[in-house]
Amino acid sequence: MNEPNRHPETRIALFQRREIRRTSHNNEWWFVITDVVGALTDSVDPSDYLKKMRKRDPELAAVLKGGGQFVPPLGLEFDTPGGRQTFQCWNTEGIFRLIQSIPSPKAEPFKRWLARVGYERVQEIEDPELATKRTRALYKAKGYSDDWIEKRMRSIAIRDELTDEWKKRGVKEQREYAILTAEISQATFGMTPSEYAEFKRLKRQNLRDHMTDLELIFSMLGEAATTEIARTRDTQGFPENKEAAHDGGAVAGNARHDLERKSGRKVSTPENYLALTQSAKKAKQLKST
């Protein structure tokens, strides 16, 4: 069984307004197979559609199991509202094979889109700053403000620094990363990531992409504090890092409680950032008319 990619560079790509999760593995993009199926078929249940495809196309079924001439799919990790989860992914070569089994008018546009995305990856390997610029552009296209985008990009860097630190200190298992992340979130917000996602009524969306400015700030504080505590204590192994995660989250949690007490308002909100900003814009427009 293929070992999951533990800390991949992950990103959302858009094809005709459909989100397709992708991750960098061995310097090439790998795409979540069910996301591609959903984008090509508009199916409400891409997993079920894929099962039916396997039944009617035995060759595809064999390829998905790792047989045949194509590179076998890999189980790669992504952040989800419920924590890090493993999804079956395929590189560009495999996705082209998948497209052959899907009768869709979107097939040719998707092939062109896939070729462009692959070329962008080559450019990003040569110039890593392009990846950051494109991530910023994607958030901008979705309607996020420049100030929010700056915080989100910083939160990604802080998260990467923390996971790198955990890796150095003997935290290796996927389940351990999820537990440590939940420990920080619980101490910071009084909710685990899965509970927070439910609080915000999210399904597969990225939790942090739906956080407000303050929610992002306190998330960053909890993770940055955890990194600092782990370094100063020289924590080793899962138990010591779990204690550091709790204490780091508590730093952010105490700051959050202090702000809520002095402002009289809760930091955590069931709304997402875009919905709040769009509502504020509409209210402003109505007020000016």
Protein backbone atom coordinates (compact mmCIF):
# COMPACT_ATOMS: atom_id res chain seq x y z
CA MET A 1 0.00 0.00 0.00
CA ASN A 2 1.32 3.45 -0.92
CA GLU A 3 2.35 5.57 2.02
CA PRO A 4 0.37 8.83 2.17
CA ASN A 5 2.16 12.09 1.42
CA ARG A 6 2.36 13.59 4.88
CA HIS A 7 2.95 17.28 4.22
CA PRO A 8 2.15 18.02 0.60
CA GLU A 9 1.81 21.43 -0.96
CA THR A 10 -1.93 21.47 -1.54
CA ARG A 11 -4.06 23.91 -3.44
CA ILE A 12 -7.51 24.34 -4.94
CA ALA A 13 -7.80 24.77 -8.70
CA LEU A 14 -10.93 25.99 -10.45
CA PHE A 15 -12.39 24.45 -13.61
CA GLN A 16 -15.57 26.20 -14.75
CA ARG A 17 -16.20 27.30 -11.14
CA ARG A 18 -15.81 23.73 -9.83
CA GLU A 19 -13.15 23.25 -7.15
CA ILE A 20 -10.59 20.52 -7.80
CA ARG A 21 -8.12 19.71 -5.04
CA ARG A 22 -4.55 19.07 -6.11
CA THR A 23 -1.30 18.37 -4.34
CA SER A 24 2.36 18.47 -5.30
CA HIS A 25 4.04 15.05 -5.23
CA ASN A 26 7.46 14.42 -6.78
CA ASN A 27 7.32 17.87 -8.39
CA GLU A 28 4.09 17.25 -10.32
CA TRP A 29 0.42 17.86 -9.63
CA TRP A 30 -1.81 15.03 -8.43
CA PHE A 31 -5.57 15.61 -8.52
CA VAL A 32 -8.34 14.19 -6.33
CA ILE A 33 -10.06 11.73 -8.66
CA THR A 34 -13.59 12.23 -7.35
CA ASP A 35 -13.23 16.01 -7.75
CA VAL A 36 -12.37 15.51 -11.43
CA VAL A 37 -15.32 13.14 -11.88
CA GLY A 38 -17.61 15.69 -10.24
CA ALA A 39 -16.34 18.52 -12.44
CA LEU A 40 -16.83 16.51 -15.65
CA THR A 41 -20.21 14.99 -14.82
CA ASP A 42 -21.82 17.45 -12.37
CA SER A 43 -22.73 14.36 -10.36
CA VAL A 44 -24.02 14.96 -6.83
CA ASP A 45 -22.24 11.77 -5.78
CA PRO A 46 -18.93 11.48 -7.69
CA SER A 47 -17.82 8.49 -5.58
CA ASP A 48 -20.88 6.50 -6.66
CA TYR A 49 -20.39 7.60 -10.28
CA LEU A 50 -16.79 6.35 -10.11
CA LYS A 51 -17.96 2.97 -8.77
CA LYS A 52 -20.32 2.61 -11.74
CA MET A 53 -17.51 3.59 -14.11
CA ARG A 54 -15.36 0.77 -12.75
CA LYS A 55 -18.13 -1.75 -13.43
CA ARG A 56 -18.65 -0.70 -17.03
CA ASP A 57 -14.93 -0.21 -17.78
CA PRO A 58 -12.91 -3.21 -16.44
CA GLU A 59 -9.71 -1.76 -17.89
CA LEU A 60 -10.17 1.44 -15.87
CA ALA A 61 -10.92 -0.63 -12.77
CA ALA A 62 -7.65 -2.49 -13.26
CA VAL A 63 -5.74 0.76 -13.75
CA LEU A 64 -7.25 2.24 -10.59
CA LYS A 65 -5.95 -0.79 -8.71
CA GLY A 66 -2.45 -0.10 -9.99
CA GLY A 67 -2.35 -2.36 -13.02
CA GLY A 68 -1.74 -1.60 -16.65
CA GLN A 69 0.63 0.89 -18.25
CA PHE A 70 -0.44 3.96 -16.29
CA VAL A 71 1.06 5.32 -13.10
CA PRO A 72 -1.11 3.94 -10.26
CA PRO A 73 -3.21 6.37 -8.20
CA LEU A 74 -1.83 7.37 -4.80
CA GLY A 75 -3.46 8.00 -1.45
CA LEU A 76 -2.44 11.59 -0.63
CA GLU A 77 -3.43 13.79 2.30
CA PHE A 78 -5.49 16.98 2.34
CA ASP A 79 -6.76 19.27 5.06
CA THR A 80 -10.52 18.95 5.49
CA PRO A 81 -12.96 20.36 8.06
CA GLY A 82 -12.62 17.04 9.89
CA GLY A 83 -8.82 17.13 9.90
CA ARG A 84 -6.29 15.66 7.46
CA GLN A 85 -7.78 12.93 5.28
CA THR A 86 -6.41 10.71 2.52
CA PHE A 87 -7.93 10.85 -0.97
CA GLN A 88 -7.15 8.78 -4.05
CA CYS A 89 -5.26 11.00 -6.51
CA TRP A 90 -3.89 10.70 -10.01
CA ASN A 91 -1.28 12.64 -11.92
CA THR A 92 -1.93 14.27 -15.29
CA GLU A 93 -1.27 11.06 -17.25
CA GLY A 94 -3.77 9.13 -15.15
CA ILE A 95 -6.41 11.86 -15.34
CA PHE A 96 -6.20 11.80 -19.15
CA ARG A 97 -6.97 8.06 -18.97
CA LEU A 98 -9.89 8.76 -16.65
CA ILE A 99 -11.34 11.30 -19.08
CA GLN A 100 -11.52 8.61 -21.77
CA SER A 101 -14.13 6.77 -19.70
CA ILE A 102 -16.37 9.78 -19.09
CA PRO A 103 -18.76 10.80 -21.87
CA SER A 104 -18.82 14.53 -21.21
CA PRO A 105 -18.96 17.67 -23.38
CA LYS A 106 -16.48 19.12 -20.89
CA ALA A 107 -13.80 16.56 -21.77
CA GLU A 108 -11.92 18.65 -24.36
CA PRO A 109 -12.04 21.91 -22.33
CA PHE A 110 -10.84 19.92 -19.31
CA LYS A 111 -7.90 18.47 -21.28
CA ARG A 112 -6.83 21.99 -22.26
CA TRP A 113 -7.25 23.14 -18.66
CA LEU A 114 -5.19 20.18 -17.43
CA ALA A 115 -2.39 20.93 -19.87
CA ARG A 116 -2.30 24.57 -18.74
CA VAL A 117 -2.21 23.59 -15.05
CA GLY A 118 0.64 21.16 -15.74
CA TYR A 119 2.61 23.86 -17.53
CA GLU A 120 2.03 26.22 -14.61
CA ARG A 121 3.57 23.62 -12.30
CA VAL A 122 6.73 23.53 -14.42
CA GLN A 123 6.91 27.33 -14.19
CA GLU A 124 6.43 27.23 -10.41
CA ILE A 125 9.28 24.74 -9.97
CA GLU A 126 11.54 27.16 -11.85
CA ASP A 127 10.17 30.20 -9.96
CA PRO A 128 8.57 29.25 -6.60
CA GLU A 129 7.22 32.79 -6.11
CA LEU A 130 4.73 32.14 -8.92
CA ALA A 131 2.88 29.62 -6.73
CA THR A 132 2.31 32.26 -4.05
CA LYS A 133 1.22 34.81 -6.64
CA ARG A 134 -1.30 32.39 -8.14
CA THR A 135 -2.70 31.48 -4.73
CA ARG A 136 -3.20 35.16 -4.01
CA ALA A 137 -4.88 35.64 -7.39
CA LEU A 138 -7.26 32.74 -6.73
CA TYR A 139 -8.35 34.19 -3.39
CA LYS A 140 -8.73 37.61 -5.02
CA ALA A 141 -10.94 36.11 -7.75
CA LYS A 142 -13.16 34.55 -5.08
CA GLY A 143 -13.77 38.00 -3.57
CA TYR A 144 -11.41 38.06 -0.60
CA SER A 145 -9.91 41.40 0.46
CA ASP A 146 -6.20 42.10 0.21
CA ASP A 147 -5.93 42.35 4.00
CA TRP A 148 -7.56 38.93 4.48
CA ILE A 149 -5.37 37.38 1.79
CA GLU A 150 -2.24 38.63 3.57
CA LYS A 151 -3.40 36.98 6.79
CA ARG A 152 -4.30 33.75 5.00
CA MET A 153 -0.91 33.54 3.29
CA ARG A 154 0.80 34.16 6.61
CA SER A 155 -1.33 31.49 8.27
CA ILE A 156 -0.20 28.97 5.63
CA ALA A 157 3.45 29.81 6.34
CA ILE A 158 2.96 29.49 10.11
CA ARG A 159 1.19 26.15 9.69
CA ASP A 160 4.01 24.84 7.48
CA GLU A 161 6.59 25.95 10.04
CA LEU A 162 4.71 24.11 12.78
CA THR A 163 4.34 20.84 10.86
CA ASP A 164 8.01 20.95 9.89
CA GLU A 165 8.87 21.37 13.58
CA TRP A 166 6.66 18.40 14.52
CA LYS A 167 8.37 16.28 11.89
CA LYS A 168 11.80 17.14 13.31
CA ARG A 169 10.58 16.21 16.80
CA GLY A 170 9.38 12.72 16.03
CA VAL A 171 5.71 13.26 15.18
CA LYS A 172 5.14 11.11 12.11
CA GLU A 173 1.75 9.46 11.99
CA GLN A 174 -1.17 11.11 10.20
CA ARG A 175 -3.39 10.47 13.23
CA GLU A 176 -0.89 12.21 15.52
CA TYR A 177 -0.89 15.36 13.39
CA ALA A 178 -4.69 15.43 13.50
CA ILE A 179 -4.71 15.01 17.30
CA LEU A 180 -2.16 17.77 17.84
CA THR A 181 -4.07 20.12 15.53
CA ALA A 182 -7.29 19.35 17.39
CA GLU A 183 -5.50 20.01 20.70
CA ILE A 184 -4.48 23.51 19.59
CA SER A 185 -7.94 24.28 18.19
CA GLN A 186 -9.72 23.02 21.31
CA ALA A 187 -7.53 25.16 23.58
CA THR A 188 -7.85 28.20 21.28
CA PHE A 189 -11.54 28.15 20.37
CA GLY A 190 -13.10 25.51 22.60
CA MET A 191 -13.76 23.41 19.47
CA THR A 192 -11.86 20.83 17.47
CA PRO A 193 -11.54 21.49 13.70
CA SER A 194 -14.38 19.07 12.92
CA GLU A 195 -16.61 20.72 15.55
CA TYR A 196 -15.66 24.14 14.20
CA ALA A 197 -16.54 23.07 10.66
CA GLU A 198 -19.92 21.85 11.87
CA PHE A 199 -20.37 25.14 13.74
CA LYS A 200 -19.81 26.96 10.44
CA ARG A 201 -22.01 24.49 8.53
CA LEU A 202 -19.17 23.40 6.25
CA LYS A 203 -18.90 20.11 4.40
CA ARG A 204 -15.73 19.56 2.36
CA GLN A 205 -14.62 23.21 2.33
CA ASN A 206 -11.37 24.31 3.92
CA LEU A 207 -12.19 25.65 7.38
CA ARG A 208 -9.59 28.43 7.35
CA ASP A 209 -10.81 29.74 4.02
CA HIS A 210 -14.05 30.55 5.83
CA MET A 211 -12.55 32.20 8.89
CA THR A 212 -12.85 35.89 9.67
CA ASP A 213 -9.81 38.08 10.28
CA LEU A 214 -9.90 37.50 14.04
CA GLU A 215 -10.43 33.76 13.71
CA LEU A 216 -7.38 33.55 11.45
CA ILE A 217 -5.32 35.70 13.82
CA PHE A 218 -6.06 33.51 16.83
CA SER A 219 -5.43 30.35 14.78
CA MET A 220 -2.02 31.73 13.84
CA LEU A 221 -1.28 32.72 17.42
CA GLY A 222 -2.09 29.21 18.70
CA GLU A 223 0.13 27.53 16.12
CA ALA A 224 2.99 30.04 16.37
CA ALA A 225 2.94 29.74 20.18
CA THR A 226 3.02 25.94 19.88
CA THR A 227 6.06 26.11 17.60
CA GLU A 228 7.86 28.42 20.02
CA ILE A 229 7.04 26.27 23.05
CA ALA A 230 8.16 23.09 21.27
CA ARG A 231 11.50 24.70 20.43
CA THR A 232 12.19 26.19 23.85
CA ARG A 233 11.26 22.94 25.62
CA ASP A 234 13.00 20.81 22.98
CA THR A 235 9.98 18.50 22.95
CA GLN A 236 10.50 15.01 21.57
CA GLY A 237 7.84 12.52 20.52
CA PHE A 238 4.07 12.66 20.54
CA PRO A 239 3.27 13.02 24.30
CA GLU A 240 5.58 16.01 24.85
CA ASN A 241 4.36 17.70 21.67
CA LYS A 242 0.76 17.14 22.67
CA GLU A 243 1.39 18.99 25.91
CA ALA A 244 3.09 21.81 23.97
CA ALA A 245 0.12 21.93 21.56
CA HIS A 246 -2.29 22.32 24.45
CA ASP A 247 -0.18 25.06 26.04
CA GLY A 248 0.30 26.88 22.74
CA GLY A 249 -3.43 26.78 22.08
CA ALA A 250 -4.05 28.00 25.62
CA VAL A 251 -1.96 31.12 24.92
CA ALA A 252 -4.32 31.97 22.05
CA GLY A 253 -7.38 30.85 24.05
CA ASN A 254 -6.55 33.15 26.95
CA ALA A 255 -6.03 36.06 24.56
CA ARG A 256 -9.35 35.28 22.87
CA HIS A 257 -11.21 35.21 26.22
CA ASP A 258 -9.62 38.53 27.18
CA LEU A 259 -10.70 40.16 23.91
CA GLU A 260 -14.24 38.78 24.17
CA ARG A 261 -14.52 40.02 27.74
CA LYS A 262 -13.37 43.52 26.84
CA SER A 263 -15.19 43.84 23.50
CA GLY A 264 -18.40 42.07 24.51
CA ARG A 265 -18.36 40.07 21.26
CA LYS A 266 -17.51 36.48 20.42
CA VAL A 267 -14.55 35.82 18.14
CA SER A 268 -15.96 32.60 16.68
CA THR A 269 -18.86 33.07 14.28
CA PRO A 270 -20.97 30.55 12.34
CA GLU A 271 -20.70 32.84 9.31
CA ASN A 272 -17.86 32.72 6.82
CA TYR A 273 -15.68 35.67 5.87
CA LEU A 274 -17.07 36.18 2.36
CA ALA A 275 -20.69 36.04 3.51
CA LEU A 276 -20.02 38.66 6.19
CA THR A 277 -18.17 41.02 3.84
CA GLN A 278 -20.82 40.66 1.13
CA SER A 279 -23.57 41.42 3.65
CA ALA A 280 -21.63 44.48 4.83
CA LYS A 281 -21.27 45.70 1.23
CA LYS A 282 -24.99 45.28 0.57
CA ALA A 283 -25.85 47.14 3.77
CA LYS A 284 -23.53 49.96 2.78
CA GLN A 285 -25.07 50.17 -0.68
CA LEU A 286 -28.60 50.26 0.73
CA LYS A 287 -27.61 52.98 3.18
CA SER A 288 -26.17 55.12 0.40
CA THR A 289 -29.32 54.87 -1.78
